[in-house]
Amino acid sequence: MDAMRGQGGIQMLLSAEQEAQQIVTSAKNNKTARLRQAKLEAENEVAQYRAHLEDEYQKSLSEKSGSSDSTVKRLETETETKIGNLKAAASKSSPDVVAMLMKYIVTTKN
């Protein structure tokens, strides 16, 4: 009878060991799956953040180049205005300069 009880106890221990092994294996598999999922989520998050930074960088570049274009246009307008003012001043004083030069050329000193 003790042999039967001992045999049953051994069977019970073996089945408990197998069940424990299955639980450990299942836990390892679940942990591995969670780690893979976390890695995928982290990679997606990094990709989204990288895309966000790239968008901000491109926006910054376009704003800076846009302001550069507007600065160039503003400077061209200012330059044209100043050139126009100088031409007007030159044409205004041109007859006086021509008269003064003619006076010095035509007049002789004794």
PDB file of N, CA and C in Angstrom:
ATOM      1  N   MET A   1       0.805  -1.176   0.000  1.00  0.00           N
ATOM      2  CA  MET A   1       0.000   0.000   0.000  1.00  0.00           C
ATOM      3  C   MET A   1       0.863   1.261   0.000  1.00  0.00           C
ATOM      4  N   ASP A   2       1.942   1.186   0.768  1.00  0.00           N
ATOM      5  CA  ASP A   2       2.841   2.321   0.792  1.00  0.00           C
ATOM      6  C   ASP A   2       3.497   2.514  -0.566  1.00  0.00           C
ATOM      7  N   ALA A   3       3.712   1.453  -1.283  1.00  0.00           N
ATOM      8  CA  ALA A   3       4.295   1.539  -2.612  1.00  0.00           C
ATOM      9  C   ALA A   3       3.342   2.248  -3.547  1.00  0.00           C
ATOM     10  N   MET A   4       2.054   1.963  -3.416  1.00  0.00           N
ATOM     11  CA  MET A   4       1.049   2.629  -4.248  1.00  0.00           C
ATOM     12  C   MET A   4       0.977   4.111  -3.910  1.00  0.00           C
ATOM     13  N   ARG A   5       1.026   4.383  -2.621  1.00  0.00           N
ATOM     14  CA  ARG A   5       0.965   5.761  -2.187  1.00  0.00           C
ATOM     15  C   ARG A   5       2.226   6.485  -2.644  1.00  0.00           C
ATOM     16  N   GLY A   6       3.370   5.880  -2.552  1.00  0.00           N
ATOM     17  CA  GLY A   6       4.624   6.456  -2.991  1.00  0.00           C
ATOM     18  C   GLY A   6       4.626   6.671  -4.495  1.00  0.00           C
ATOM     19  N   GLN A   7       4.087   5.682  -5.230  1.00  0.00           N
ATOM     20  CA  GLN A   7       4.000   5.792  -6.683  1.00  0.00           C
ATOM     21  C   GLN A   7       3.073   6.943  -7.049  1.00  0.00           C
ATOM     22  N   GLY A   8       1.946   7.064  -6.369  1.00  0.00           N
ATOM     23  CA  GLY A   8       0.998   8.149  -6.626  1.00  0.00           C
ATOM     24  C   GLY A   8       1.599   9.495  -6.280  1.00  0.00           C
ATOM     25  N   GLY A   9       2.385   9.538  -5.215  1.00  0.00           N
ATOM     26  CA  GLY A   9       3.043  10.777  -4.816  1.00  0.00           C
ATOM     27  C   GLY A   9       4.067  11.217  -5.855  1.00  0.00           C
ATOM     28  N   ILE A  10       4.789  10.252  -6.389  1.00  0.00           N
ATOM     29  CA  ILE A  10       5.775  10.570  -7.417  1.00  0.00           C
ATOM     30  C   ILE A  10       5.077  11.080  -8.666  1.00  0.00           C
ATOM     31  N   GLN A  11       3.996  10.428  -9.057  1.00  0.00           N
ATOM     32  CA  GLN A  11       3.212  10.867 -10.225  1.00  0.00           C
ATOM     33  C   GLN A  11       2.698  12.284 -10.006  1.00  0.00           C
ATOM     34  N   MET A  12       2.221  12.523  -8.781  1.00  0.00           N
ATOM     35  CA  MET A  12       1.686  13.850  -8.468  1.00  0.00           C
ATOM     36  C   MET A  12       2.802  14.895  -8.557  1.00  0.00           C
ATOM     37  N   LEU A  13       3.980  14.571  -8.040  1.00  0.00           N
ATOM     38  CA  LEU A  13       5.108  15.494  -8.102  1.00  0.00           C
ATOM     39  C   LEU A  13       5.545  15.740  -9.545  1.00  0.00           C
ATOM     40  N   LEU A  14       5.565  14.683 -10.345  1.00  0.00           N
ATOM     41  CA  LEU A  14       5.943  14.836 -11.748  1.00  0.00           C
ATOM     42  C   LEU A  14       4.942  15.713 -12.505  1.00  0.00           C
ATOM     43  N   SER A  15       3.664  15.482 -12.270  1.00  0.00           N
ATOM     44  CA  SER A  15       2.652  16.306 -12.954  1.00  0.00           C
ATOM     45  C   SER A  15       2.714  17.751 -12.466  1.00  0.00           C
ATOM     46  N   ALA A  16       2.986  17.949 -11.169  1.00  0.00           N
ATOM     47  CA  ALA A  16       3.116  19.308 -10.640  1.00  0.00           C
ATOM     48  C   ALA A  16       4.335  19.993 -11.255  1.00  0.00           C
ATOM     49  N   GLU A  17       5.425  19.226 -11.423  1.00  0.00           N
ATOM     50  CA  GLU A  17       6.620  19.786 -12.038  1.00  0.00           C
ATOM     51  C   GLU A  17       6.356  20.172 -13.491  1.00  0.00           C
ATOM     52  N   GLN A  18       5.635  19.326 -14.216  1.00  0.00           N
ATOM     53  CA  GLN A  18       5.299  19.632 -15.613  1.00  0.00           C
ATOM     54  C   GLN A  18       4.406  20.864 -15.690  1.00  0.00           C
ATOM     55  N   GLU A  19       3.453  20.935 -14.777  1.00  0.00           N
ATOM     56  CA  GLU A  19       2.556  22.099 -14.753  1.00  0.00           C
ATOM     57  C   GLU A  19       3.344  23.374 -14.437  1.00  0.00           C
ATOM     58  N   ALA A  20       4.278  23.282 -13.502  1.00  0.00           N
ATOM     59  CA  ALA A  20       5.107  24.437 -13.157  1.00  0.00           C
ATOM     60  C   ALA A  20       5.974  24.836 -14.346  1.00  0.00           C
ATOM     61  N   GLN A  21       6.511  23.839 -15.051  1.00  0.00           N
ATOM     62  CA  GLN A  21       7.332  24.121 -16.229  1.00  0.00           C
ATOM     63  C   GLN A  21       6.502  24.819 -17.303  1.00  0.00           C
ATOM     64  N   GLN A  22       5.255  24.375 -17.479  1.00  0.00           N
ATOM     65  CA  GLN A  22       4.367  25.021 -18.460  1.00  0.00           C
ATOM     66  C   GLN A  22       4.069  26.461 -18.053  1.00  0.00           C
ATOM     67  N   ILE A  23       3.866  26.685 -16.763  1.00  0.00           N
ATOM     68  CA  ILE A  23       3.593  28.039 -16.270  1.00  0.00           C
ATOM     69  C   ILE A  23       4.811  28.933 -16.506  1.00  0.00           C
ATOM     70  N   VAL A  24       6.008  28.421 -16.208  1.00  0.00           N
ATOM     71  CA  VAL A  24       7.234  29.199 -16.401  1.00  0.00           C
ATOM     72  C   VAL A  24       7.437  29.500 -17.882  1.00  0.00           C
ATOM     73  N   THR A  25       7.238  28.490 -18.739  1.00  0.00           N
ATOM     74  CA  THR A  25       7.394  28.682 -20.181  1.00  0.00           C
ATOM     75  C   THR A  25       6.387  29.701 -20.696  1.00  0.00           C
ATOM     76  N   SER A  26       5.156  29.595 -20.233  1.00  0.00           N
ATOM     77  CA  SER A  26       4.121  30.548 -20.644  1.00  0.00           C
ATOM     78  C   SER A  26       4.484  31.962 -20.197  1.00  0.00           C
ATOM     79  N   ALA A  27       4.989  32.096 -18.977  1.00  0.00           N
ATOM     80  CA  ALA A  27       5.380  33.419 -18.472  1.00  0.00           C
ATOM     81  C   ALA A  27       6.533  33.987 -19.294  1.00  0.00           C
ATOM     82  N   LYS A  28       7.508  33.139 -19.648  1.00  0.00           N
ATOM     83  CA  LYS A  28       8.626  33.604 -20.479  1.00  0.00           C
ATOM     84  C   LYS A  28       8.134  34.054 -21.845  1.00  0.00           C
ATOM     85  N   ASN A  29       7.237  33.273 -22.430  1.00  0.00           N
ATOM     86  CA  ASN A  29       6.691  33.638 -23.742  1.00  0.00           C
ATOM     87  C   ASN A  29       5.920  34.951 -23.670  1.00  0.00           C
ATOM     88  N   ASN A  30       5.128  35.111 -22.607  1.00  0.00           N
ATOM     89  CA  ASN A  30       4.375  36.360 -22.437  1.00  0.00           C
ATOM     90  C   ASN A  30       5.317  37.548 -22.253  1.00  0.00           C
ATOM     91  N   LYS A  31       6.381  37.335 -21.469  1.00  0.00           N
ATOM     92  CA  LYS A  31       7.350  38.408 -21.248  1.00  0.00           C
ATOM     93  C   LYS A  31       8.032  38.787 -22.559  1.00  0.00           C
ATOM     94  N   THR A  32       8.417  37.792 -23.341  1.00  0.00           N
ATOM     95  CA  THR A  32       9.054  38.047 -24.632  1.00  0.00           C
ATOM     96  C   THR A  32       8.106  38.801 -25.557  1.00  0.00           C
ATOM     97  N   ALA A  33       6.843  38.393 -25.566  1.00  0.00           N
ATOM     98  CA  ALA A  33       5.852  39.074 -26.413  1.00  0.00           C
ATOM     99  C   ALA A  33       5.669  40.523 -25.969  1.00  0.00           C
ATOM    100  N   ARG A  34       5.614  40.751 -24.652  1.00  0.00           N
ATOM    101  CA  ARG A  34       5.465  42.124 -24.146  1.00  0.00           C
ATOM    102  C   ARG A  34       6.684  42.968 -24.509  1.00  0.00           C
ATOM    103  N   LEU A  35       7.881  42.382 -24.409  1.00  0.00           N
ATOM    104  CA  LEU A  35       9.094  43.117 -24.773  1.00  0.00           C
ATOM    105  C   LEU A  35       9.099  43.469 -26.256  1.00  0.00           C
ATOM    106  N   ARG A  36       8.687  42.532 -27.104  1.00  0.00           N
ATOM    107  CA  ARG A  36       8.615  42.824 -28.540  1.00  0.00           C
ATOM    108  C   ARG A  36       7.617  43.941 -28.811  1.00  0.00           C
ATOM    109  N   GLN A  37       6.460  43.863 -28.145  1.00  0.00           N
ATOM    110  CA  GLN A  37       5.433  44.887 -28.331  1.00  0.00           C
ATOM    111  C   GLN A  37       5.944  46.248 -27.859  1.00  0.00           C
ATOM    112  N   ALA A  38       6.615  46.263 -26.710  1.00  0.00           N
ATOM    113  CA  ALA A  38       7.161  47.523 -26.189  1.00  0.00           C
ATOM    114  C   ALA A  38       8.215  48.084 -27.140  1.00  0.00           C
ATOM    115  N   LYS A  39       9.032  47.199 -27.715  1.00  0.00           N
ATOM    116  CA  LYS A  39      10.056  47.645 -28.660  1.00  0.00           C
ATOM    117  C   LYS A  39       9.407  48.257 -29.894  1.00  0.00           C
ATOM    118  N   LEU A  40       8.370  47.611 -30.423  1.00  0.00           N
ATOM    119  CA  LEU A  40       7.666  48.152 -31.591  1.00  0.00           C
ATOM    120  C   LEU A  40       7.038  49.507 -31.284  1.00  0.00           C
ATOM    121  N   GLU A  41       6.408  49.603 -30.115  1.00  0.00           N
ATOM    122  CA  GLU A  41       5.792  50.874 -29.729  1.00  0.00           C
ATOM    123  C   GLU A  41       6.851  51.968 -29.584  1.00  0.00           C
ATOM    124  N   ALA A  42       7.989  51.619 -28.987  1.00  0.00           N
ATOM    125  CA  ALA A  42       9.066  52.608 -28.826  1.00  0.00           C
ATOM    126  C   ALA A  42       9.608  53.038 -30.187  1.00  0.00           C
ATOM    127  N   GLU A  43       9.783  52.091 -31.101  1.00  0.00           N
ATOM    128  CA  GLU A  43      10.267  52.436 -32.441  1.00  0.00           C
ATOM    129  C   GLU A  43       9.276  53.345 -33.160  1.00  0.00           C
ATOM    130  N   ASN A  44       7.982  53.049 -33.026  1.00  0.00           N
ATOM    131  CA  ASN A  44       6.961  53.903 -33.645  1.00  0.00           C
ATOM    132  C   ASN A  44       6.983  55.298 -33.039  1.00  0.00           C
ATOM    133  N   GLU A  45       7.131  55.356 -31.724  1.00  0.00           N
ATOM    134  CA  GLU A  45       7.164  56.656 -31.048  1.00  0.00           C
ATOM    135  C   GLU A  45       8.384  57.466 -31.491  1.00  0.00           C
ATOM    136  N   VAL A  46       9.525  56.793 -31.610  1.00  0.00           N
ATOM    137  CA  VAL A  46      10.746  57.466 -32.069  1.00  0.00           C
ATOM    138  C   VAL A  46      10.566  57.962 -33.498  1.00  0.00           C
ATOM    139  N   ALA A  47       9.952  57.142 -34.346  1.00  0.00           N
ATOM    140  CA  ALA A  47       9.727  57.545 -35.739  1.00  0.00           C
ATOM    141  C   ALA A  47       8.798  58.756 -35.808  1.00  0.00           C
ATOM    142  N   GLN A  48       7.750  58.755 -34.990  1.00  0.00           N
ATOM    143  CA  GLN A  48       6.831  59.896 -34.971  1.00  0.00           C
ATOM    144  C   GLN A  48       7.546  61.150 -34.486  1.00  0.00           C
ATOM    145  N   TYR A  49       8.358  61.017 -33.439  1.00  0.00           N
ATOM    146  CA  TYR A  49       9.084  62.168 -32.913  1.00  0.00           C
ATOM    147  C   TYR A  49      10.076  62.689 -33.945  1.00  0.00           C
ATOM    148  N   ARG A  50      10.760  61.765 -34.618  1.00  0.00           N
ATOM    149  CA  ARG A  50      11.718  62.165 -35.651  1.00  0.00           C
ATOM    150  C   ARG A  50      10.998  62.909 -36.776  1.00  0.00           C
ATOM    151  N   ALA A  51       9.832  62.400 -37.183  1.00  0.00           N
ATOM    152  CA  ALA A  51       9.058  63.058 -38.241  1.00  0.00           C
ATOM    153  C   ALA A  51       8.609  64.446 -37.780  1.00  0.00           C
ATOM    154  N   HIS A  52       8.206  64.546 -36.515  1.00  0.00           N
ATOM    155  CA  HIS A  52       7.783  65.840 -35.965  1.00  0.00           C
ATOM    156  C   HIS A  52       8.943  66.838 -35.995  1.00  0.00           C
ATOM    157  N   LEU A  53      10.122  66.396 -35.560  1.00  0.00           N
ATOM    158  CA  LEU A  53      11.288  67.286 -35.584  1.00  0.00           C
ATOM    159  C   LEU A  53      11.661  67.674 -37.009  1.00  0.00           C
ATOM    160  N   GLU A  54      11.560  66.737 -37.936  1.00  0.00           N
ATOM    161  CA  GLU A  54      11.869  67.032 -39.335  1.00  0.00           C
ATOM    162  C   GLU A  54      10.890  68.067 -39.886  1.00  0.00           C
ATOM    163  N   ASP A  55       9.598  67.920 -39.536  1.00  0.00           N
ATOM    164  CA  ASP A  55       8.599  68.900 -39.978  1.00  0.00           C
ATOM    165  C   ASP A  55       8.915  70.287 -39.426  1.00  0.00           C
ATOM    166  N   GLU A  56       9.256  70.349 -38.134  1.00  0.00           N
ATOM    167  CA  GLU A  56       9.595  71.640 -37.536  1.00  0.00           C
ATOM    168  C   GLU A  56      10.827  72.248 -38.208  1.00  0.00           C
ATOM    169  N   TYR A  57      11.805  71.419 -38.504  1.00  0.00           N
ATOM    170  CA  TYR A  57      13.022  71.900 -39.163  1.00  0.00           C
ATOM    171  C   TYR A  57      12.704  72.437 -40.553  1.00  0.00           C
ATOM    172  N   GLN A  58      11.902  71.701 -41.313  1.00  0.00           N
ATOM    173  CA  GLN A  58      11.536  72.148 -42.658  1.00  0.00           C
ATOM    174  C   GLN A  58      10.734  73.447 -42.587  1.00  0.00           C
ATOM    175  N   LYS A  59       9.832  73.545 -41.606  1.00  0.00           N
ATOM    176  CA  LYS A  59       9.044  74.769 -41.435  1.00  0.00           C
ATOM    177  C   LYS A  59       9.958  75.937 -41.102  1.00  0.00           C
ATOM    178  N   SER A  60      10.925  75.695 -40.225  1.00  0.00           N
ATOM    179  CA  SER A  60      11.883  76.735 -39.849  1.00  0.00           C
ATOM    180  C   SER A  60      12.690  77.188 -41.059  1.00  0.00           C
ATOM    181  N   LEU A  61      13.130  76.235 -41.872  1.00  0.00           N
ATOM    182  CA  LEU A  61      13.876  76.589 -43.081  1.00  0.00           C
ATOM    183  C   LEU A  61      13.032  77.415 -44.038  1.00  0.00           C
ATOM    184  N   SER A  62      11.779  77.013 -44.211  1.00  0.00           N
ATOM    185  CA  SER A  62      10.926  77.745 -45.148  1.00  0.00           C
ATOM    186  C   SER A  62      10.633  79.150 -44.634  1.00  0.00           C
ATOM    187  N   GLU A  63      10.472  79.293 -43.316  1.00  0.00           N
ATOM    188  CA  GLU A  63      10.241  80.628 -42.758  1.00  0.00           C
ATOM    189  C   GLU A  63      11.472  81.509 -42.943  1.00  0.00           C
ATOM    190  N   LYS A  64      12.641  80.937 -42.703  1.00  0.00           N
ATOM    191  CA  LYS A  64      13.863  81.724 -42.842  1.00  0.00           C
ATOM    192  C   LYS A  64      14.115  82.094 -44.291  1.00  0.00           C
ATOM    193  N   SER A  65      13.902  81.167 -45.195  1.00  0.00           N
ATOM    194  CA  SER A  65      14.116  81.488 -46.607  1.00  0.00           C
ATOM    195  C   SER A  65      13.032  82.439 -47.093  1.00  0.00           C
ATOM    196  N   GLY A  66      11.826  82.304 -46.544  1.00  0.00           N
ATOM    197  CA  GLY A  66      10.755  83.232 -46.899  1.00  0.00           C
ATOM    198  C   GLY A  66      11.077  84.635 -46.442  1.00  0.00           C
ATOM    199  N   SER A  67      11.596  84.766 -45.234  1.00  0.00           N
ATOM    200  CA  SER A  67      11.964  86.091 -44.746  1.00  0.00           C
ATOM    201  C   SER A  67      13.156  86.621 -45.531  1.00  0.00           C
ATOM    202  N   SER A  68      14.008  85.740 -45.985  1.00  0.00           N
ATOM    203  CA  SER A  68      15.137  86.150 -46.814  1.00  0.00           C
ATOM    204  C   SER A  68      14.638  86.724 -48.131  1.00  0.00           C
ATOM    205  N   ASP A  69      13.655  86.062 -48.738  1.00  0.00           N
ATOM    206  CA  ASP A  69      13.083  86.558 -49.987  1.00  0.00           C
ATOM    207  C   ASP A  69      12.433  87.922 -49.783  1.00  0.00           C
ATOM    208  N   SER A  70      11.703  88.072 -48.688  1.00  0.00           N
ATOM    209  CA  SER A  70      11.058  89.361 -48.440  1.00  0.00           C
ATOM    210  C   SER A  70      12.105  90.440 -48.162  1.00  0.00           C
ATOM    211  N   THR A  71      13.195  90.072 -47.501  1.00  0.00           N
ATOM    212  CA  THR A  71      14.267  91.031 -47.245  1.00  0.00           C
ATOM    213  C   THR A  71      14.902  91.473 -48.554  1.00  0.00           C
ATOM    214  N   VAL A  72      15.126  90.540 -49.459  1.00  0.00           N
ATOM    215  CA  VAL A  72      15.707  90.873 -50.765  1.00  0.00           C
ATOM    216  C   VAL A  72      14.782  91.823 -51.514  1.00  0.00           C
ATOM    217  N   LYS A  73      13.497  91.545 -51.511  1.00  0.00           N
ATOM    218  CA  LYS A  73      12.539  92.417 -52.209  1.00  0.00           C
ATOM    219  C   LYS A  73      12.523  93.807 -51.589  1.00  0.00           C
ATOM    220  N   ARG A  74      12.555  93.857 -50.254  1.00  0.00           N
ATOM    221  CA  ARG A  74      12.548  95.149 -49.565  1.00  0.00           C
ATOM    222  C   ARG A  74      13.805  95.938 -49.914  1.00  0.00           C
ATOM    223  N   LEU A  75      14.958  95.262 -49.913  1.00  0.00           N
ATOM    224  CA  LEU A  75      16.207  95.950 -50.249  1.00  0.00           C
ATOM    225  C   LEU A  75      16.218  96.428 -51.695  1.00  0.00           C
ATOM    226  N   GLU A  76      15.680  95.627 -52.602  1.00  0.00           N
ATOM    227  CA  GLU A  76      15.600  96.056 -54.005  1.00  0.00           C
ATOM    228  C   GLU A  76      14.739  97.307 -54.137  1.00  0.00           C
ATOM    229  N   THR A  77      13.617  97.336 -53.436  1.00  0.00           N
ATOM    230  CA  THR A  77      12.732  98.500 -53.486  1.00  0.00           C
ATOM    231  C   THR A  77      13.436  99.730 -52.928  1.00  0.00           C
ATOM    232  N   GLU A  78      14.112  99.564 -51.779  1.00  0.00           N
ATOM    233  CA  GLU A  78      14.824 100.696 -51.184  1.00  0.00           C
ATOM    234  C   GLU A  78      15.932 101.197 -52.115  1.00  0.00           C
ATOM    235  N   THR A  79      16.639 100.267 -52.733  1.00  0.00           N
ATOM    236  CA  THR A  79      17.724 100.652 -53.648  1.00  0.00           C
ATOM    237  C   THR A  79      17.184 101.417 -54.839  1.00  0.00           C
ATOM    238  N   GLU A  80      16.108 100.933 -55.425  1.00  0.00           N
ATOM    239  CA  GLU A  80      15.503 101.627 -56.566  1.00  0.00           C
ATOM    240  C   GLU A  80      15.036 103.020 -56.171  1.00  0.00           C
ATOM    241  N   THR A  81      14.478 103.153 -54.975  1.00  0.00           N
ATOM    242  CA  THR A  81      14.037 104.464 -54.496  1.00  0.00           C
ATOM    243  C   THR A  81      15.231 105.407 -54.341  1.00  0.00           C
ATOM    244  N   LYS A  82      16.310 104.922 -53.748  1.00  0.00           N
ATOM    245  CA  LYS A  82      17.495 105.765 -53.551  1.00  0.00           C
ATOM    246  C   LYS A  82      18.122 106.153 -54.884  1.00  0.00           C
ATOM    247  N   ILE A  83      18.170 105.203 -55.825  1.00  0.00           N
ATOM    248  CA  ILE A  83      18.707 105.522 -57.158  1.00  0.00           C
ATOM    249  C   ILE A  83      17.848 106.582 -57.832  1.00  0.00           C
ATOM    250  N   GLY A  84      16.545 106.455 -57.709  1.00  0.00           N
ATOM    251  CA  GLY A  84      15.637 107.460 -58.275  1.00  0.00           C
ATOM    252  C   GLY A  84      15.862 108.823 -57.657  1.00  0.00           C
ATOM    253  N   ASN A  85      16.058 108.874 -56.338  1.00  0.00           N
ATOM    254  CA  ASN A  85      16.317 110.144 -55.653  1.00  0.00           C
ATOM    255  C   ASN A  85      17.635 110.763 -56.120  1.00  0.00           C
ATOM    256  N   LEU A  86      18.663 109.925 -56.278  1.00  0.00           N
ATOM    257  CA  LEU A  86      19.954 110.440 -56.750  1.00  0.00           C
ATOM    258  C   LEU A  86      19.858 110.959 -58.182  1.00  0.00           C
ATOM    259  N   LYS A  87      19.129 110.254 -59.039  1.00  0.00           N
ATOM    260  CA  LYS A  87      18.954 110.717 -60.420  1.00  0.00           C
ATOM    261  C   LYS A  87      18.201 112.038 -60.449  1.00  0.00           C
ATOM    262  N   ALA A  88      17.189 112.168 -59.605  1.00  0.00           N
ATOM    263  CA  ALA A  88      16.425 113.412 -59.555  1.00  0.00           C
ATOM    264  C   ALA A  88      17.308 114.564 -59.079  1.00  0.00           C
ATOM    265  N   ALA A  89      18.116 114.307 -58.053  1.00  0.00           N
ATOM    266  CA  ALA A  89      19.009 115.351 -57.547  1.00  0.00           C
ATOM    267  C   ALA A  89      20.049 115.722 -58.599  1.00  0.00           C
ATOM    268  N   ALA A  90      20.563 114.722 -59.328  1.00  0.00           N
ATOM    269  CA  ALA A  90      21.563 114.995 -60.368  1.00  0.00           C
ATOM    270  C   ALA A  90      20.947 115.783 -61.513  1.00  0.00           C
ATOM    271  N   SER A  91      19.753 115.422 -61.934  1.00  0.00           N
ATOM    272  CA  SER A  91      19.127 116.155 -63.044  1.00  0.00           C
ATOM    273  C   SER A  91      18.727 117.561 -62.615  1.00  0.00           C
ATOM    274  N   LYS A  92      18.445 117.727 -61.333  1.00  0.00           N
ATOM    275  CA  LYS A  92      18.075 119.049 -60.821  1.00  0.00           C
ATOM    276  C   LYS A  92      19.297 119.979 -60.808  1.00  0.00           C
ATOM    277  N   SER A  93      20.451 119.460 -60.415  1.00  0.00           N
ATOM    278  CA  SER A  93      21.642 120.315 -60.334  1.00  0.00           C
ATOM    279  C   SER A  93      22.478 120.278 -61.606  1.00  0.00           C
ATOM    280  N   SER A  94      22.107 119.475 -62.566  1.00  0.00           N
ATOM    281  CA  SER A  94      22.866 119.350 -63.811  1.00  0.00           C
ATOM    282  C   SER A  94      22.980 120.672 -64.569  1.00  0.00           C
ATOM    283  N   PRO A  95      21.915 121.445 -64.762  1.00  0.00           N
ATOM    284  CA  PRO A  95      22.067 122.718 -65.487  1.00  0.00           C
ATOM    285  C   PRO A  95      23.027 123.677 -64.783  1.00  0.00           C
ATOM    286  N   ASP A  96      22.994 123.708 -63.451  1.00  0.00           N
ATOM    287  CA  ASP A  96      23.898 124.587 -62.706  1.00  0.00           C
ATOM    288  C   ASP A  96      25.352 124.153 -62.892  1.00  0.00           C
ATOM    289  N   VAL A  97      25.600 122.848 -62.867  1.00  0.00           N
ATOM    290  CA  VAL A  97      26.961 122.336 -63.038  1.00  0.00           C
ATOM    291  C   VAL A  97      27.454 122.629 -64.448  1.00  0.00           C
ATOM    292  N   VAL A  98      26.597 122.426 -65.453  1.00  0.00           N
ATOM    293  CA  VAL A  98      26.982 122.702 -66.840  1.00  0.00           C
ATOM    294  C   VAL A  98      27.284 124.185 -67.010  1.00  0.00           C
ATOM    295  N   ALA A  99      26.463 125.038 -66.430  1.00  0.00           N
ATOM    296  CA  ALA A  99      26.681 126.489 -66.536  1.00  0.00           C
ATOM    297  C   ALA A  99      27.993 126.882 -65.864  1.00  0.00           C
ATOM    298  N   MET A 100      28.277 126.318 -64.709  1.00  0.00           N
ATOM    299  CA  MET A 100      29.506 126.642 -64.003  1.00  0.00           C
ATOM    300  C   MET A 100      30.723 126.174 -64.807  1.00  0.00           C
ATOM    301  N   LEU A 101      30.663 124.976 -65.363  1.00  0.00           N
ATOM    302  CA  LEU A 101      31.772 124.478 -66.184  1.00  0.00           C
ATOM    303  C   LEU A 101      31.970 125.343 -67.427  1.00  0.00           C
ATOM    304  N   MET A 102      30.888 125.721 -68.075  1.00  0.00           N
ATOM    305  CA  MET A 102      30.977 126.572 -69.267  1.00  0.00           C
ATOM    306  C   MET A 102      31.605 127.918 -68.899  1.00  0.00           C
ATOM    307  N   LYS A 103      31.239 128.449 -67.763  1.00  0.00           N
ATOM    308  CA  LYS A 103      31.769 129.742 -67.325  1.00  0.00           C
ATOM    309  C   LYS A 103      33.280 129.650 -67.137  1.00  0.00           C
ATOM    310  N   TYR A 104      33.753 128.577 -66.486  1.00  0.00           N
ATOM    311  CA  TYR A 104      35.192 128.431 -66.256  1.00  0.00           C
ATOM    312  C   TYR A 104      35.945 128.113 -67.542  1.00  0.00           C
ATOM    313  N   ILE A 105      35.306 127.405 -68.469  1.00  0.00           N
ATOM    314  CA  ILE A 105      35.967 127.070 -69.734  1.00  0.00           C
ATOM    315  C   ILE A 105      36.049 128.297 -70.634  1.00  0.00           C
ATOM    316  N   VAL A 106      34.975 129.046 -70.701  1.00  0.00           N
ATOM    317  CA  VAL A 106      34.904 130.176 -71.621  1.00  0.00           C
ATOM    318  C   VAL A 106      35.658 131.384 -71.068  1.00  0.00           C
ATOM    319  N   THR A 107      35.644 131.588 -69.782  1.00  0.00           N
ATOM    320  CA  THR A 107      36.284 132.752 -69.181  1.00  0.00           C
ATOM    321  C   THR A 107      37.797 132.548 -69.164  1.00  0.00           C
ATOM    322  N   THR A 108      38.503 133.621 -69.567  1.00  0.00           N
ATOM    323  CA  THR A 108      39.963 133.565 -69.569  1.00  0.00           C
ATOM    324  C   THR A 108      40.495 134.514 -68.521  1.00  0.00           C
ATOM    325  N   LYS A 109      41.602 134.144 -67.966  1.00  0.00           N
ATOM    326  CA  LYS A 109      42.227 135.000 -66.954  1.00  0.00           C
ATOM    327  C   LYS A 109      43.433 135.668 -67.584  1.00  0.00           C
ATOM    328  N   ASN A 110      43.619 136.913 -67.295  1.00  0.00           N
ATOM    329  CA  ASN A 110      44.747 137.667 -67.849  1.00  0.00           C
ATOM    330  C   ASN A 110      45.905 137.673 -66.943  1.00  0.00           C
TER     331      ASN A 110
END
